[in-house]
Amino acid sequence: MQRPIIGLALGSGGARGFAHIGVIKALREAEIPIDMIAGSSMGALVGAMVGMGHNNENLIKMATLFKRKYYMDYTVPKMGFVSGKKIKELVRLLTQNKKIEDTIIPLSIVATDLIKGEKIVFREGPIAEAVRASISIPGIFVPEKIGGRLLVDGGVIERVPAAVVREMGADIVIAVDISHFKAQPEMASILDVIVQSIDIMQREIVRYHEISADIMIRPMVEQYSSTAFKNVSEIILIGEEAGKSKIEMIKSRIEKWKENNHERPSKSPEIEPD
């Protein structure tokens, strides 16, 4: 039966980004297809895993791997405190050293050109390099150099890449925004200072920048900081609850699309949920 192409936009937010896993779990259990994905920062990492076809169990296992000791490889500060080599290698292992164009589900990864101040959208090339660029928090991670560009976190320009999903050809765009947070009352390190400063900046960008989505899901993870990796299980559960709360709305949107497009030739790929 003819159906709309459904795209998923996964926003940035550090550890709060693991709420995406819960949302995806809810969508899959409700048999809502995911035909294409775009992600910024942590949304890029989760999106890459989903694009590779990993099931819910593997996504949760991946989330538990993200403890500071596994990815914080400190270097002599020049353009960042963390070299990013460890996390790139981890992403390379998780994605089997595949390229973006090899994913089962079409994938776009968003980064920011630090010199030109432009949004960069990766639709091909090594997944590990693109994800490494997209998660490069300015001032913490050394920027990733790709194709002569100096790249940092995609959330600097586009925290929730709904417009990118629309450009990919989605009929219905589901966006997951995890930008809401409560400021930490105490700062324990320069990492906390930088991360909270960026969180505040990006929250304001989302507030004043219209997000082009048909369905917006906002998991209530504001009580967790971007570095709350010890709270992965709770964050995933909150994401799942937020996803479930929107299922009927998504199904209604799909039915409405079908009613309005019943004579239009179907362009939807035959993709079954995991």
C-alpha atoms as a PDB file:
ATOM      1  CA  MET A   1       0.000   0.000   0.000  1.00  0.00           C
ATOM      2  CA  GLN A   2       1.168   3.484  -0.802  1.00  0.00           C
ATOM      3  CA  ARG A   3       2.568   5.359   2.177  1.00  0.00           C
ATOM      4  CA  PRO A   4       4.570   8.516   2.838  1.00  0.00           C
ATOM      5  CA  ILE A   5       8.352   8.614   3.124  1.00  0.00           C
ATOM      6  CA  ILE A   6       9.120   9.219   6.784  1.00  0.00           C
ATOM      7  CA  GLY A   7      12.305  10.990   7.830  1.00  0.00           C
ATOM      8  CA  LEU A   8      13.820  11.334  11.287  1.00  0.00           C
ATOM      9  CA  ALA A   9      15.859  14.356  12.432  1.00  0.00           C
ATOM     10  CA  LEU A  10      17.953  13.709  15.540  1.00  0.00           C
ATOM     11  CA  GLY A  11      19.241  16.732  17.420  1.00  0.00           C
ATOM     12  CA  SER A  12      22.402  17.363  19.404  1.00  0.00           C
ATOM     13  CA  GLY A  13      22.670  17.410  23.183  1.00  0.00           C
ATOM     14  CA  GLY A  14      25.519  15.240  24.416  1.00  0.00           C
ATOM     15  CA  ALA A  15      24.402  12.492  26.809  1.00  0.00           C
ATOM     16  CA  ARG A  16      20.806  13.719  26.497  1.00  0.00           C
ATOM     17  CA  GLY A  17      21.059  12.475  22.906  1.00  0.00           C
ATOM     18  CA  PHE A  18      20.623   8.907  24.078  1.00  0.00           C
ATOM     19  CA  ALA A  19      16.935   9.772  24.414  1.00  0.00           C
ATOM     20  CA  HIS A  20      16.930   9.276  20.629  1.00  0.00           C
ATOM     21  CA  ILE A  21      17.388   5.550  21.235  1.00  0.00           C
ATOM     22  CA  GLY A  22      14.225   5.436  23.314  1.00  0.00           C
ATOM     23  CA  VAL A  23      12.270   7.363  20.674  1.00  0.00           C
ATOM     24  CA  ILE A  24      13.472   4.991  17.951  1.00  0.00           C
ATOM     25  CA  LYS A  25      12.532   1.993  20.090  1.00  0.00           C
ATOM     26  CA  ALA A  26       9.008   3.389  20.455  1.00  0.00           C
ATOM     27  CA  LEU A  27       8.697   4.049  16.709  1.00  0.00           C
ATOM     28  CA  ARG A  28       9.873   0.549  15.827  1.00  0.00           C
ATOM     29  CA  GLU A  29       7.536  -1.135  18.301  1.00  0.00           C
ATOM     30  CA  ALA A  30       4.639   0.836  16.818  1.00  0.00           C
ATOM     31  CA  GLU A  31       5.769  -0.216  13.313  1.00  0.00           C
ATOM     32  CA  ILE A  32       6.383   3.367  12.230  1.00  0.00           C
ATOM     33  CA  PRO A  33       8.892   3.083   9.366  1.00  0.00           C
ATOM     34  CA  ILE A  34      12.073   5.157   9.329  1.00  0.00           C
ATOM     35  CA  ASP A  35      13.050   5.761   5.700  1.00  0.00           C
ATOM     36  CA  MET A  36      15.815   8.345   6.150  1.00  0.00           C
ATOM     37  CA  ILE A  37      17.752   9.993   8.946  1.00  0.00           C
ATOM     38  CA  ALA A  38      19.756  13.162   9.535  1.00  0.00           C
ATOM     39  CA  GLY A  39      21.644  13.883  12.729  1.00  0.00           C
ATOM     40  CA  SER A  40      23.704  16.551  14.453  1.00  0.00           C
ATOM     41  CA  SER A  41      26.327  15.689  17.071  1.00  0.00           C
ATOM     42  CA  MET A  42      25.041  12.822  19.259  1.00  0.00           C
ATOM     43  CA  GLY A  43      22.102  12.605  16.868  1.00  0.00           C
ATOM     44  CA  ALA A  44      24.622  11.865  14.116  1.00  0.00           C
ATOM     45  CA  LEU A  45      26.107   8.981  16.097  1.00  0.00           C
ATOM     46  CA  VAL A  46      22.734   7.424  16.928  1.00  0.00           C
ATOM     47  CA  GLY A  47      21.540   8.070  13.374  1.00  0.00           C
ATOM     48  CA  ALA A  48      24.580   6.297  11.947  1.00  0.00           C
ATOM     49  CA  MET A  49      23.900   3.244  14.094  1.00  0.00           C
ATOM     50  CA  VAL A  50      20.261   3.151  13.014  1.00  0.00           C
ATOM     51  CA  GLY A  51      21.271   3.686   9.400  1.00  0.00           C
ATOM     52  CA  MET A  52      23.543   0.663   9.675  1.00  0.00           C
ATOM     53  CA  GLY A  53      20.553  -1.426  10.702  1.00  0.00           C
ATOM     54  CA  HIS A  54      21.440  -2.024  14.356  1.00  0.00           C
ATOM     55  CA  ASN A  55      18.582  -3.316  16.473  1.00  0.00           C
ATOM     56  CA  ASN A  56      17.384  -1.777  19.740  1.00  0.00           C
ATOM     57  CA  GLU A  57      19.567  -4.043  21.875  1.00  0.00           C
ATOM     58  CA  ASN A  58      22.714  -2.992  20.009  1.00  0.00           C
ATOM     59  CA  LEU A  59      21.785   0.684  20.288  1.00  0.00           C
ATOM     60  CA  ILE A  60      21.456   0.362  24.057  1.00  0.00           C
ATOM     61  CA  LYS A  61      24.782  -1.498  24.286  1.00  0.00           C
ATOM     62  CA  MET A  62      26.426   1.273  22.268  1.00  0.00           C
ATOM     63  CA  ALA A  63      25.081   3.875  24.680  1.00  0.00           C
ATOM     64  CA  THR A  64      26.574   2.085  27.672  1.00  0.00           C
ATOM     65  CA  LEU A  65      30.027   2.239  26.047  1.00  0.00           C
ATOM     66  CA  PHE A  66      30.093   6.012  26.222  1.00  0.00           C
ATOM     67  CA  LYS A  67      31.947   6.642  29.424  1.00  0.00           C
ATOM     68  CA  ARG A  68      34.515   9.404  29.539  1.00  0.00           C
ATOM     69  CA  LYS A  69      37.469   7.075  29.939  1.00  0.00           C
ATOM     70  CA  TYR A  70      36.658   5.444  26.595  1.00  0.00           C
ATOM     71  CA  TYR A  71      36.592   8.586  24.487  1.00  0.00           C
ATOM     72  CA  MET A  72      38.328  11.406  26.369  1.00  0.00           C
ATOM     73  CA  ASP A  73      41.880  11.131  25.024  1.00  0.00           C
ATOM     74  CA  TYR A  74      43.445  14.329  26.285  1.00  0.00           C
ATOM     75  CA  THR A  75      46.051  16.195  24.285  1.00  0.00           C
ATOM     76  CA  VAL A  76      48.178  19.325  24.722  1.00  0.00           C
ATOM     77  CA  PRO A  77      45.648  22.172  24.338  1.00  0.00           C
ATOM     78  CA  LYS A  78      45.948  23.986  21.043  1.00  0.00           C
ATOM     79  CA  MET A  79      42.569  23.818  19.328  1.00  0.00           C
ATOM     80  CA  GLY A  80      40.983  21.458  21.857  1.00  0.00           C
ATOM     81  CA  PHE A  81      41.640  19.357  24.962  1.00  0.00           C
ATOM     82  CA  VAL A  82      40.534  16.063  23.421  1.00  0.00           C
ATOM     83  CA  SER A  83      42.188  14.679  20.284  1.00  0.00           C
ATOM     84  CA  GLY A  84      39.123  12.668  19.244  1.00  0.00           C
ATOM     85  CA  LYS A  85      41.146   9.690  17.997  1.00  0.00           C
ATOM     86  CA  LYS A  86      39.570   7.289  20.493  1.00  0.00           C
ATOM     87  CA  ILE A  87      36.023   8.193  19.654  1.00  0.00           C
ATOM     88  CA  LYS A  88      36.684   8.053  15.922  1.00  0.00           C
ATOM     89  CA  GLU A  89      38.070   4.552  16.339  1.00  0.00           C
ATOM     90  CA  LEU A  90      35.095   3.550  18.464  1.00  0.00           C
ATOM     91  CA  VAL A  91      32.668   4.848  15.822  1.00  0.00           C
ATOM     92  CA  ARG A  92      34.677   3.064  13.134  1.00  0.00           C
ATOM     93  CA  LEU A  93      34.269  -0.216  15.030  1.00  0.00           C
ATOM     94  CA  LEU A  94      30.566   0.346  15.717  1.00  0.00           C
ATOM     95  CA  THR A  95      29.876   1.116  12.054  1.00  0.00           C
ATOM     96  CA  GLN A  96      32.227  -1.553  10.667  1.00  0.00           C
ATOM     97  CA  ASN A  97      34.286   1.087   8.856  1.00  0.00           C
ATOM     98  CA  LYS A  98      31.417   1.668   6.428  1.00  0.00           C
ATOM     99  CA  LYS A  99      30.686   4.722   4.309  1.00  0.00           C
ATOM    100  CA  ILE A 100      27.553   6.834   4.565  1.00  0.00           C
ATOM    101  CA  GLU A 101      26.435   5.671   1.136  1.00  0.00           C
ATOM    102  CA  ASP A 102      26.611   2.049   2.371  1.00  0.00           C
ATOM    103  CA  THR A 103      23.955   2.445   5.063  1.00  0.00           C
ATOM    104  CA  ILE A 104      20.726   0.464   4.861  1.00  0.00           C
ATOM    105  CA  ILE A 105      18.705   3.600   5.606  1.00  0.00           C
ATOM    106  CA  PRO A 106      19.727   6.830   3.798  1.00  0.00           C
ATOM    107  CA  LEU A 107      21.769   8.984   6.172  1.00  0.00           C
ATOM    108  CA  SER A 108      22.934  12.603   6.354  1.00  0.00           C
ATOM    109  CA  ILE A 109      25.352  13.897   8.983  1.00  0.00           C
ATOM    110  CA  VAL A 110      25.580  17.596   9.814  1.00  0.00           C
ATOM    111  CA  ALA A 111      28.749  19.442  10.824  1.00  0.00           C
ATOM    112  CA  THR A 112      29.861  23.090  10.883  1.00  0.00           C
ATOM    113  CA  ASP A 113      32.670  24.644   8.845  1.00  0.00           C
ATOM    114  CA  LEU A 114      34.529  26.610  11.521  1.00  0.00           C
ATOM    115  CA  ILE A 115      36.263  28.939   9.063  1.00  0.00           C
ATOM    116  CA  LYS A 116      33.356  29.802   6.762  1.00  0.00           C
ATOM    117  CA  GLY A 117      30.619  29.483   9.339  1.00  0.00           C
ATOM    118  CA  GLU A 118      28.611  27.218   7.048  1.00  0.00           C
ATOM    119  CA  LYS A 119      26.547  24.088   7.540  1.00  0.00           C
ATOM    120  CA  ILE A 120      28.167  21.024   5.986  1.00  0.00           C
ATOM    121  CA  VAL A 121      25.987  18.007   5.196  1.00  0.00           C
ATOM    122  CA  PHE A 122      27.736  14.683   4.641  1.00  0.00           C
ATOM    123  CA  ARG A 123      25.861  12.288   2.367  1.00  0.00           C
ATOM    124  CA  GLU A 124      28.877  10.187   1.442  1.00  0.00           C
ATOM    125  CA  GLY A 125      32.298   9.275   2.747  1.00  0.00           C
ATOM    126  CA  PRO A 126      33.463   7.418   5.877  1.00  0.00           C
ATOM    127  CA  ILE A 127      30.869   7.426   8.649  1.00  0.00           C
ATOM    128  CA  ALA A 128      33.517   7.628  11.378  1.00  0.00           C
ATOM    129  CA  GLU A 129      35.020  10.840   9.981  1.00  0.00           C
ATOM    130  CA  ALA A 130      31.653  12.535   9.535  1.00  0.00           C
ATOM    131  CA  VAL A 131      30.435  11.570  13.017  1.00  0.00           C
ATOM    132  CA  ARG A 132      33.749  12.648  14.554  1.00  0.00           C
ATOM    133  CA  ALA A 133      33.313  16.056  12.899  1.00  0.00           C
ATOM    134  CA  SER A 134      29.672  16.350  13.960  1.00  0.00           C
ATOM    135  CA  ILE A 135      30.377  15.676  17.651  1.00  0.00           C
ATOM    136  CA  SER A 136      33.404  17.979  17.897  1.00  0.00           C
ATOM    137  CA  ILE A 137      32.315  20.339  20.660  1.00  0.00           C
ATOM    138  CA  PRO A 138      34.247  23.593  20.062  1.00  0.00           C
ATOM    139  CA  GLY A 139      36.956  24.164  22.637  1.00  0.00           C
ATOM    140  CA  ILE A 140      36.843  20.576  23.872  1.00  0.00           C
ATOM    141  CA  PHE A 141      37.499  18.419  20.825  1.00  0.00           C
ATOM    142  CA  VAL A 142      40.185  19.237  18.302  1.00  0.00           C
ATOM    143  CA  PRO A 143      38.288  20.144  15.089  1.00  0.00           C
ATOM    144  CA  GLU A 144      38.170  17.417  12.434  1.00  0.00           C
ATOM    145  CA  LYS A 145      39.855  18.204   9.125  1.00  0.00           C
ATOM    146  CA  ILE A 146      38.038  16.824   6.067  1.00  0.00           C
ATOM    147  CA  GLY A 147      38.544  17.963   2.487  1.00  0.00           C
ATOM    148  CA  GLY A 148      40.488  21.033   3.543  1.00  0.00           C
ATOM    149  CA  ARG A 149      37.738  22.140   5.936  1.00  0.00           C
ATOM    150  CA  LEU A 150      38.049  22.570   9.687  1.00  0.00           C
ATOM    151  CA  LEU A 151      34.858  21.053  11.108  1.00  0.00           C
ATOM    152  CA  VAL A 152      33.119  21.180  14.473  1.00  0.00           C
ATOM    153  CA  ASP A 153      29.800  20.183  16.079  1.00  0.00           C
ATOM    154  CA  GLY A 154      26.832  20.273  13.699  1.00  0.00           C
ATOM    155  CA  GLY A 155      24.663  21.693  16.463  1.00  0.00           C
ATOM    156  CA  VAL A 156      26.562  24.993  16.314  1.00  0.00           C
ATOM    157  CA  ILE A 157      24.487  25.903  13.237  1.00  0.00           C
ATOM    158  CA  GLU A 158      21.674  23.341  13.063  1.00  0.00           C
ATOM    159  CA  ARG A 159      20.891  21.617  16.312  1.00  0.00           C
ATOM    160  CA  VAL A 160      17.875  19.733  14.927  1.00  0.00           C
ATOM    161  CA  PRO A 161      18.420  19.018  11.194  1.00  0.00           C
ATOM    162  CA  ALA A 162      14.767  18.752  10.170  1.00  0.00           C
ATOM    163  CA  ALA A 163      15.363  20.859   7.050  1.00  0.00           C
ATOM    164  CA  VAL A 164      18.058  18.406   5.942  1.00  0.00           C
ATOM    165  CA  VAL A 165      15.602  15.505   6.206  1.00  0.00           C
ATOM    166  CA  ARG A 166      13.097  17.487   4.163  1.00  0.00           C
ATOM    167  CA  GLU A 167      15.741  18.076   1.506  1.00  0.00           C
ATOM    168  CA  MET A 168      16.408  14.330   1.411  1.00  0.00           C
ATOM    169  CA  GLY A 169      12.846  13.841   0.190  1.00  0.00           C
ATOM    170  CA  ALA A 170      10.793  13.038   3.288  1.00  0.00           C
ATOM    171  CA  ASP A 171       7.046  13.538   3.092  1.00  0.00           C
ATOM    172  CA  ILE A 172       6.702  13.519   6.869  1.00  0.00           C
ATOM    173  CA  VAL A 173       9.507  14.779   9.110  1.00  0.00           C
ATOM    174  CA  ILE A 174       9.707  13.630  12.723  1.00  0.00           C
ATOM    175  CA  ALA A 175      12.193  15.707  14.729  1.00  0.00           C
ATOM    176  CA  VAL A 176      13.610  14.939  18.161  1.00  0.00           C
ATOM    177  CA  ASP A 177      14.736  18.013  20.084  1.00  0.00           C
ATOM    178  CA  ILE A 178      16.718  17.550  23.295  1.00  0.00           C
ATOM    179  CA  SER A 179      17.932  21.137  23.632  1.00  0.00           C
ATOM    180  CA  HIS A 180      15.993  21.905  26.822  1.00  0.00           C
ATOM    181  CA  PHE A 181      18.067  21.627  29.988  1.00  0.00           C
ATOM    182  CA  LYS A 182      18.463  23.036  33.482  1.00  0.00           C
ATOM    183  CA  ALA A 183      21.703  24.891  34.065  1.00  0.00           C
ATOM    184  CA  GLN A 184      24.072  23.163  36.464  1.00  0.00           C
ATOM    185  CA  PRO A 185      24.342  25.197  39.670  1.00  0.00           C
ATOM    186  CA  GLU A 186      27.968  24.141  40.159  1.00  0.00           C
ATOM    187  CA  MET A 187      30.811  23.960  37.672  1.00  0.00           C
ATOM    188  CA  ALA A 188      33.400  21.292  38.483  1.00  0.00           C
ATOM    189  CA  SER A 189      35.716  21.663  35.482  1.00  0.00           C
ATOM    190  CA  ILE A 190      36.473  23.645  32.351  1.00  0.00           C
ATOM    191  CA  LEU A 191      34.600  20.900  30.461  1.00  0.00           C
ATOM    192  CA  ASP A 192      31.432  21.780  32.403  1.00  0.00           C
ATOM    193  CA  VAL A 193      31.919  25.479  31.681  1.00  0.00           C
ATOM    194  CA  ILE A 194      32.336  24.999  27.939  1.00  0.00           C
ATOM    195  CA  VAL A 195      29.532  22.448  27.567  1.00  0.00           C
ATOM    196  CA  GLN A 196      27.030  24.535  29.523  1.00  0.00           C
ATOM    197  CA  SER A 197      27.962  27.671  27.578  1.00  0.00           C
ATOM    198  CA  ILE A 198      27.345  25.872  24.279  1.00  0.00           C
ATOM    199  CA  ASP A 199      24.103  24.355  25.594  1.00  0.00           C
ATOM    200  CA  ILE A 200      22.810  27.840  26.433  1.00  0.00           C
ATOM    201  CA  MET A 201      23.796  29.187  23.020  1.00  0.00           C
ATOM    202  CA  GLN A 202      22.205  26.304  21.143  1.00  0.00           C
ATOM    203  CA  ARG A 203      19.038  26.414  23.245  1.00  0.00           C
ATOM    204  CA  GLU A 204      18.584  30.035  22.220  1.00  0.00           C
ATOM    205  CA  ILE A 205      19.184  29.162  18.566  1.00  0.00           C
ATOM    206  CA  VAL A 206      16.420  26.546  18.713  1.00  0.00           C
ATOM    207  CA  ARG A 207      14.113  28.992  20.484  1.00  0.00           C
ATOM    208  CA  TYR A 208      14.350  31.594  17.716  1.00  0.00           C
ATOM    209  CA  HIS A 209      14.930  29.327  14.724  1.00  0.00           C
ATOM    210  CA  GLU A 210      11.871  27.623  13.305  1.00  0.00           C
ATOM    211  CA  ILE A 211      12.284  23.859  13.015  1.00  0.00           C
ATOM    212  CA  SER A 212      10.680  22.542   9.839  1.00  0.00           C
ATOM    213  CA  ALA A 213       9.097  19.382  11.236  1.00  0.00           C
ATOM    214  CA  ASP A 214       5.650  17.820  10.979  1.00  0.00           C
ATOM    215  CA  ILE A 215       5.961  16.041  14.312  1.00  0.00           C
ATOM    216  CA  MET A 216       8.143  17.385  17.124  1.00  0.00           C
ATOM    217  CA  ILE A 217       9.196  15.097  19.973  1.00  0.00           C
ATOM    218  CA  ARG A 218      10.815  16.714  23.003  1.00  0.00           C
ATOM    219  CA  PRO A 219      11.863  14.164  25.648  1.00  0.00           C
ATOM    220  CA  MET A 220      11.903  15.751  29.104  1.00  0.00           C
ATOM    221  CA  VAL A 221      15.597  15.297  29.770  1.00  0.00           C
ATOM    222  CA  GLU A 222      16.317  18.857  30.860  1.00  0.00           C
ATOM    223  CA  GLN A 223      17.489  17.687  34.301  1.00  0.00           C
ATOM    224  CA  TYR A 224      20.494  15.926  32.742  1.00  0.00           C
ATOM    225  CA  SER A 225      23.665  17.681  31.626  1.00  0.00           C
ATOM    226  CA  SER A 226      25.368  16.972  28.321  1.00  0.00           C
ATOM    227  CA  THR A 227      27.943  14.907  30.222  1.00  0.00           C
ATOM    228  CA  ALA A 228      25.488  12.734  32.225  1.00  0.00           C
ATOM    229  CA  PHE A 229      26.614   9.465  30.667  1.00  0.00           C
ATOM    230  CA  LYS A 230      26.047   7.610  33.940  1.00  0.00           C
ATOM    231  CA  ASN A 231      22.300   8.208  33.480  1.00  0.00           C
ATOM    232  CA  VAL A 232      22.019   6.500  30.088  1.00  0.00           C
ATOM    233  CA  SER A 233      19.287   4.033  31.105  1.00  0.00           C
ATOM    234  CA  GLU A 234      17.051   6.744  32.541  1.00  0.00           C
ATOM    235  CA  ILE A 235      17.549   9.000  29.506  1.00  0.00           C
ATOM    236  CA  ILE A 236      16.665   6.185  27.081  1.00  0.00           C
ATOM    237  CA  LEU A 237      13.496   5.414  29.053  1.00  0.00           C
ATOM    238  CA  ILE A 238      12.403   9.057  28.984  1.00  0.00           C
ATOM    239  CA  GLY A 239      12.965   9.084  25.221  1.00  0.00           C
ATOM    240  CA  GLU A 240      10.847   5.965  24.841  1.00  0.00           C
ATOM    241  CA  GLU A 241       7.992   7.511  26.824  1.00  0.00           C
ATOM    242  CA  ALA A 242       8.170  10.671  24.721  1.00  0.00           C
ATOM    243  CA  GLY A 243       8.114   8.630  21.527  1.00  0.00           C
ATOM    244  CA  LYS A 244       5.102   6.597  22.672  1.00  0.00           C
ATOM    245  CA  SER A 245       3.205   9.786  23.488  1.00  0.00           C
ATOM    246  CA  LYS A 246       3.406  10.846  19.832  1.00  0.00           C
ATOM    247  CA  ILE A 247       2.525   7.538  18.128  1.00  0.00           C
ATOM    248  CA  GLU A 248      -1.147   8.301  17.590  1.00  0.00           C
ATOM    249  CA  MET A 249      -0.299  11.732  16.230  1.00  0.00           C
ATOM    250  CA  ILE A 250       2.196  10.199  13.794  1.00  0.00           C
ATOM    251  CA  LYS A 251      -0.286   7.552  12.645  1.00  0.00           C
ATOM    252  CA  SER A 252      -2.922  10.232  12.145  1.00  0.00           C
ATOM    253  CA  ARG A 253      -0.481  12.269  10.059  1.00  0.00           C
ATOM    254  CA  ILE A 254       0.290   9.217   7.926  1.00  0.00           C
ATOM    255  CA  GLU A 255      -3.401   8.549   7.317  1.00  0.00           C
ATOM    256  CA  LYS A 256      -3.984  12.183   6.414  1.00  0.00           C
ATOM    257  CA  TRP A 257      -1.116  12.023   3.918  1.00  0.00           C
ATOM    258  CA  LYS A 258      -2.613   8.897   2.358  1.00  0.00           C
ATOM    259  CA  GLU A 259      -5.986  10.592   1.972  1.00  0.00           C
ATOM    260  CA  ASN A 260      -4.415  13.594   0.266  1.00  0.00           C
ATOM    261  CA  ASN A 261      -2.114  11.539  -1.971  1.00  0.00           C
ATOM    262  CA  HIS A 262      -4.146   8.455  -2.851  1.00  0.00           C
ATOM    263  CA  GLU A 263      -3.724   9.034  -6.597  1.00  0.00           C
ATOM    264  CA  ARG A 264      -0.052   9.944  -6.477  1.00  0.00           C
ATOM    265  CA  PRO A 265       2.431   7.255  -7.623  1.00  0.00           C
ATOM    266  CA  SER A 266       4.255   5.860  -4.629  1.00  0.00           C
ATOM    267  CA  LYS A 267       7.922   6.690  -4.251  1.00  0.00           C
ATOM    268  CA  SER A 268       8.247   5.133  -0.833  1.00  0.00           C
ATOM    269  CA  PRO A 269      11.032   2.613  -0.368  1.00  0.00           C
ATOM    270  CA  GLU A 270       9.999  -0.762   1.001  1.00  0.00           C
ATOM    271  CA  ILE A 271      11.762  -0.601   4.343  1.00  0.00           C
ATOM    272  CA  GLU A 272      10.573  -2.737   7.201  1.00  0.00           C
ATOM    273  CA  PRO A 273      11.072  -1.574  10.801  1.00  0.00           C
ATOM    274  CA  ASP A 274      13.668  -3.437  12.826  1.00  0.00           C
END
